[in-house]
């Protein structure tokens, strides 16, 4: 999936989504699978790419991939959690009974 020049790929063998810019890893979002849920644990963007929308493209690409597979999201990572808070159309990925725990409004 490519967004704004950033390609997001899932690397299940390493448990992370990677954001690639010109083939170089510009950021990553680590996760663990728990049944039909994807628990995001840590996100980082290489300082060389900060301020270029890589983090947002990474979050959107990873969450869109999880949505496509029909899984739910557990946003333990503060970056992913705050991104969902700013983009409430993604809050439905978090199970309704867990949204309050992550500071997400019930819908």
C-alpha atoms as a PDB file:
ATOM      1  CA  UNK A   1       0.000   0.000   0.000  1.00  0.00           C
ATOM      2  CA  UNK A   2       1.465   3.374  -1.013  1.00  0.00           C
ATOM      3  CA  UNK A   3       0.457   6.704   0.536  1.00  0.00           C
ATOM      4  CA  UNK A   4       2.142   9.981  -0.398  1.00  0.00           C
ATOM      5  CA  UNK A   5       5.330   8.323  -1.656  1.00  0.00           C
ATOM      6  CA  UNK A   6       5.533   6.017   1.369  1.00  0.00           C
ATOM      7  CA  UNK A   7       4.940   2.308   0.855  1.00  0.00           C
ATOM      8  CA  UNK A   8       3.745   0.302   3.867  1.00  0.00           C
ATOM      9  CA  UNK A   9       4.453  -3.417   3.953  1.00  0.00           C
ATOM     10  CA  UNK A  10       3.666  -6.086   6.527  1.00  0.00           C
ATOM     11  CA  UNK A  11       6.623  -8.181   7.663  1.00  0.00           C
ATOM     12  CA  UNK A  12       4.898 -10.910   9.714  1.00  0.00           C
ATOM     13  CA  UNK A  13       8.180 -12.789  10.136  1.00  0.00           C
ATOM     14  CA  UNK A  14       9.495  -9.858  12.205  1.00  0.00           C
ATOM     15  CA  UNK A  15       6.140  -8.741  13.651  1.00  0.00           C
ATOM     16  CA  UNK A  16       6.167  -5.280  12.168  1.00  0.00           C
ATOM     17  CA  UNK A  17       4.840  -3.047   9.455  1.00  0.00           C
ATOM     18  CA  UNK A  18       7.528  -1.059   7.670  1.00  0.00           C
ATOM     19  CA  UNK A  19       7.242   2.311   5.962  1.00  0.00           C
ATOM     20  CA  UNK A  20       9.521   2.433   2.918  1.00  0.00           C
ATOM     21  CA  UNK A  21      10.608   5.612   1.169  1.00  0.00           C
ATOM     22  CA  UNK A  22      12.608   4.978  -2.008  1.00  0.00           C
ATOM     23  CA  UNK A  23      13.135   1.409  -0.811  1.00  0.00           C
ATOM     24  CA  UNK A  24      14.668   2.474   2.515  1.00  0.00           C
ATOM     25  CA  UNK A  25      13.025   1.633   5.861  1.00  0.00           C
ATOM     26  CA  UNK A  26      11.889   5.028   7.131  1.00  0.00           C
ATOM     27  CA  UNK A  27       9.754   3.796  10.024  1.00  0.00           C
ATOM     28  CA  UNK A  28       8.211   0.749  11.606  1.00  0.00           C
ATOM     29  CA  UNK A  29       5.258  -0.267  13.761  1.00  0.00           C
ATOM     30  CA  UNK A  30       5.848  -3.375  15.871  1.00  0.00           C
ATOM     31  CA  UNK A  31       2.937  -5.658  16.702  1.00  0.00           C
ATOM     32  CA  UNK A  32       1.951  -8.966  18.247  1.00  0.00           C
ATOM     33  CA  UNK A  33      -0.939 -11.056  17.035  1.00  0.00           C
ATOM     34  CA  UNK A  34      -3.372 -12.297  19.675  1.00  0.00           C
ATOM     35  CA  UNK A  35      -5.998 -14.462  18.050  1.00  0.00           C
ATOM     36  CA  UNK A  36      -7.974 -12.177  15.755  1.00  0.00           C
ATOM     37  CA  UNK A  37      -6.408  -9.026  17.270  1.00  0.00           C
ATOM     38  CA  UNK A  38      -3.275  -7.113  16.350  1.00  0.00           C
ATOM     39  CA  UNK A  39      -1.640  -5.468  19.368  1.00  0.00           C
ATOM     40  CA  UNK A  40       0.536  -2.528  18.309  1.00  0.00           C
ATOM     41  CA  UNK A  41       3.366  -2.097  20.811  1.00  0.00           C
ATOM     42  CA  UNK A  42       5.897   0.388  19.425  1.00  0.00           C
ATOM     43  CA  UNK A  43       6.259   2.772  16.496  1.00  0.00           C
ATOM     44  CA  UNK A  44       9.342   4.668  15.396  1.00  0.00           C
ATOM     45  CA  UNK A  45      10.249   6.910  12.466  1.00  0.00           C
ATOM     46  CA  UNK A  46      13.878   7.397  11.470  1.00  0.00           C
ATOM     47  CA  UNK A  47      14.873  11.006  12.341  1.00  0.00           C
ATOM     48  CA  UNK A  48      15.924  11.521   8.716  1.00  0.00           C
ATOM     49  CA  UNK A  49      12.271  11.145   7.692  1.00  0.00           C
ATOM     50  CA  UNK A  50      10.507  12.990  10.540  1.00  0.00           C
ATOM     51  CA  UNK A  51       8.111  15.747   9.511  1.00  0.00           C
ATOM     52  CA  UNK A  52       7.417  14.184   6.119  1.00  0.00           C
ATOM     53  CA  UNK A  53       4.200  12.334   6.978  1.00  0.00           C
ATOM     54  CA  UNK A  54       5.881   8.939   7.242  1.00  0.00           C
ATOM     55  CA  UNK A  55       4.378   8.189  10.660  1.00  0.00           C
ATOM     56  CA  UNK A  56       0.882   9.034   9.513  1.00  0.00           C
ATOM     57  CA  UNK A  57       1.274   6.979   6.325  1.00  0.00           C
ATOM     58  CA  UNK A  58       2.594   4.088   8.415  1.00  0.00           C
ATOM     59  CA  UNK A  59      -0.326   4.226  10.853  1.00  0.00           C
ATOM     60  CA  UNK A  60      -2.911   4.504   8.071  1.00  0.00           C
ATOM     61  CA  UNK A  61      -1.332   1.712   6.009  1.00  0.00           C
ATOM     62  CA  UNK A  62      -0.993  -0.662   8.961  1.00  0.00           C
ATOM     63  CA  UNK A  63      -4.523  -0.006  10.208  1.00  0.00           C
ATOM     64  CA  UNK A  64      -5.980  -0.337   6.712  1.00  0.00           C
ATOM     65  CA  UNK A  65      -4.220  -3.711   6.338  1.00  0.00           C
ATOM     66  CA  UNK A  66      -5.636  -4.906   9.665  1.00  0.00           C
ATOM     67  CA  UNK A  67      -9.106  -3.723   8.604  1.00  0.00           C
ATOM     68  CA  UNK A  68      -8.793  -5.610   5.288  1.00  0.00           C
ATOM     69  CA  UNK A  69      -8.059  -8.871   7.073  1.00  0.00           C
ATOM     70  CA  UNK A  70     -11.005  -8.371   9.430  1.00  0.00           C
ATOM     71  CA  UNK A  71      -8.924  -8.258  12.611  1.00  0.00           C
ATOM     72  CA  UNK A  72      -9.258  -5.851  15.528  1.00  0.00           C
ATOM     73  CA  UNK A  73      -6.626  -3.483  16.944  1.00  0.00           C
ATOM     74  CA  UNK A  74      -5.253  -3.109  20.464  1.00  0.00           C
ATOM     75  CA  UNK A  75      -3.339   0.204  20.364  1.00  0.00           C
ATOM     76  CA  UNK A  76      -0.875  -0.190  23.265  1.00  0.00           C
ATOM     77  CA  UNK A  77       1.603   1.970  21.324  1.00  0.00           C
ATOM     78  CA  UNK A  78       1.060   5.650  22.257  1.00  0.00           C
ATOM     79  CA  UNK A  79       1.621   6.811  18.665  1.00  0.00           C
ATOM     80  CA  UNK A  80      -0.946   4.429  17.131  1.00  0.00           C
ATOM     81  CA  UNK A  81      -3.395   5.209  19.953  1.00  0.00           C
ATOM     82  CA  UNK A  82      -3.085   8.994  19.481  1.00  0.00           C
ATOM     83  CA  UNK A  83      -3.376   8.590  15.696  1.00  0.00           C
ATOM     84  CA  UNK A  84      -6.668   6.723  16.150  1.00  0.00           C
ATOM     85  CA  UNK A  85      -7.841   9.438  18.569  1.00  0.00           C
ATOM     86  CA  UNK A  86      -7.202  12.049  15.843  1.00  0.00           C
ATOM     87  CA  UNK A  87      -8.858   9.850  13.175  1.00  0.00           C
ATOM     88  CA  UNK A  88     -12.029   8.555  14.861  1.00  0.00           C
ATOM     89  CA  UNK A  89     -13.126   6.723  11.705  1.00  0.00           C
ATOM     90  CA  UNK A  90     -10.530   4.107  12.748  1.00  0.00           C
ATOM     91  CA  UNK A  91     -11.857   3.709  16.316  1.00  0.00           C
ATOM     92  CA  UNK A  92     -14.166   0.913  15.156  1.00  0.00           C
ATOM     93  CA  UNK A  93     -11.064  -1.283  14.774  1.00  0.00           C
ATOM     94  CA  UNK A  94     -10.698  -1.304  18.568  1.00  0.00           C
ATOM     95  CA  UNK A  95     -13.196  -3.641  20.262  1.00  0.00           C
ATOM     96  CA  UNK A  96     -16.024  -1.578  21.803  1.00  0.00           C
ATOM     97  CA  UNK A  97     -15.405  -3.044  25.255  1.00  0.00           C
ATOM     98  CA  UNK A  98     -11.723  -1.940  25.114  1.00  0.00           C
ATOM     99  CA  UNK A  99     -12.081   1.614  23.726  1.00  0.00           C
ATOM    100  CA  UNK A 100     -12.383   3.325  27.128  1.00  0.00           C
ATOM    101  CA  UNK A 101      -9.147   1.657  28.250  1.00  0.00           C
ATOM    102  CA  UNK A 102      -7.378   3.309  25.338  1.00  0.00           C
ATOM    103  CA  UNK A 103      -9.090   6.685  25.759  1.00  0.00           C
ATOM    104  CA  UNK A 104     -11.258   6.286  22.697  1.00  0.00           C
ATOM    105  CA  UNK A 105     -14.818   7.526  22.594  1.00  0.00           C
ATOM    106  CA  UNK A 106     -17.543   4.919  22.394  1.00  0.00           C
ATOM    107  CA  UNK A 107     -19.394   4.979  19.082  1.00  0.00           C
END
